[in-house]
């Protein structure tokens, strides 16, 4: 663990530009990406209501492409 702690302390001393360069080089060296593995799931409207929150009401009617007037050329 001493080796890991020493590396961590060294990384803490890097500037943001140096840290960014380090990440890029590690991605290339190991063939990995530092991007998030999976997006977070968002609760649907039913889940929100079950959690005790009220459903928001819109002050204006909603727009949908089906209700849009068609334009003749």
Foldseek 3Di string as FASTA:
>chain_A
DVVVVVVVVVLVPDDPVVNVVVQVVVCVVVVHHPDDPDDDDDDDPVVCVVVVDDDDDDPDDDDDPVPDDDDDD
